[in-house]
Amino acid sequence: SIITPMDGMVVHEPRLTVNGRAENVAWISLNDRQIFTSEEGFWSEKLILAEGESIITVRVRDRFGREKTKSVHVVLN
């Protein structure tokens, strides 16, 4: 899951911290770049947004090869 930012959020600074939690995953990526979780399954990554709308996508895969994708839209005003 993506904890922050929330879908449709408007931000005023280009630097954004994306936080979430993943359980029982073997692999996780943020915008097609592999990231890592803590032992409790939490993750946090910093992004630089372009002006306008950005789509942030998290993709996870479990050890059986099943994938899930979650996206949120963020607007830099």
Protein backbone atom coordinates (compact mmCIF):
# COMPACT_ATOMS: atom_id res chain seq x y z
CA SER A 1 0.00 0.00 0.00
CA ILE A 2 0.99 3.61 -0.51
CA ILE A 3 0.52 5.54 2.74
CA THR A 4 1.61 8.96 1.46
CA PRO A 5 1.00 10.81 -0.78
CA MET A 6 -2.73 10.37 -1.21
CA ASP A 7 -4.22 10.08 -4.69
CA GLY A 8 -4.98 13.51 -6.19
CA MET A 9 -2.79 15.37 -3.69
CA VAL A 10 -1.54 18.84 -4.71
CA VAL A 11 1.99 19.71 -3.55
CA HIS A 12 3.98 22.93 -3.80
CA GLU A 13 7.53 21.57 -3.46
CA PRO A 14 9.20 19.33 -6.07
CA ARG A 15 10.77 17.05 -3.42
CA LEU A 16 8.33 14.41 -2.25
CA THR A 17 8.74 11.48 0.13
CA VAL A 18 6.67 8.44 -0.79
CA ASN A 19 5.90 6.02 2.06
CA GLY A 20 4.18 2.68 2.14
CA ARG A 21 4.00 -0.83 3.46
CA ALA A 22 4.26 -4.19 1.73
CA GLU A 23 3.67 -7.63 3.20
CA ASN A 24 4.84 -11.01 1.90
CA VAL A 25 6.64 -9.61 -1.14
CA ALA A 26 9.73 -10.95 -2.83
CA TRP A 27 10.28 -7.88 -5.03
CA ILE A 28 9.03 -4.27 -4.99
CA SER A 29 9.59 -1.30 -7.31
CA LEU A 30 8.70 2.38 -7.36
CA ASN A 31 8.33 3.78 -10.89
CA ASP A 32 10.14 0.68 -12.25
CA ARG A 33 13.14 1.12 -9.90
CA GLN A 34 13.68 -1.59 -7.30
CA ILE A 35 13.31 -0.46 -3.69
CA PHE A 36 13.65 -2.28 -0.38
CA THR A 37 11.53 -2.63 2.74
CA SER A 38 12.40 -2.69 6.43
CA GLU A 39 11.98 -5.91 8.38
CA GLU A 40 8.46 -4.75 9.28
CA GLY A 41 7.62 -4.20 5.58
CA PHE A 42 7.72 -0.39 5.56
CA TRP A 43 9.43 1.51 2.74
CA SER A 44 10.23 5.16 2.07
CA GLU A 45 11.68 6.80 -1.04
CA LYS A 46 12.32 10.39 -2.09
CA LEU A 47 11.28 11.65 -5.54
CA ILE A 48 11.74 14.86 -7.49
CA LEU A 49 8.53 15.79 -9.28
CA ALA A 50 8.15 17.61 -12.58
CA GLU A 51 5.67 20.47 -12.70
CA GLY A 52 2.13 19.36 -13.42
CA GLU A 53 0.70 15.89 -12.85
CA SER A 54 2.90 12.93 -11.93
CA ILE A 55 1.91 9.28 -11.63
CA ILE A 56 3.67 7.29 -8.91
CA THR A 57 3.45 3.53 -9.41
CA VAL A 58 4.40 0.78 -6.97
CA ARG A 59 4.62 -2.78 -8.27
CA VAL A 60 5.08 -5.83 -6.03
CA ARG A 61 5.63 -9.50 -6.75
CA ASP A 62 5.32 -12.39 -4.30
CA ARG A 63 7.41 -15.54 -4.30
CA PHE A 64 4.80 -17.29 -6.47
CA GLY A 65 5.16 -14.70 -9.24
CA ARG A 66 1.83 -12.94 -8.62
CA GLU A 67 2.01 -9.18 -9.21
CA LYS A 68 -0.01 -6.22 -7.97
CA THR A 69 0.27 -2.59 -9.00
CA LYS A 70 -0.91 0.54 -7.20
CA SER A 71 -0.70 4.09 -8.61
CA VAL A 72 -1.42 7.54 -7.23
CA HIS A 73 -1.58 10.86 -9.08
CA VAL A 74 0.15 13.90 -7.58
CA VAL A 75 0.08 17.46 -8.91
CA LEU A 76 3.00 19.88 -8.44
CA ASN A 77 1.52 23.36 -8.50
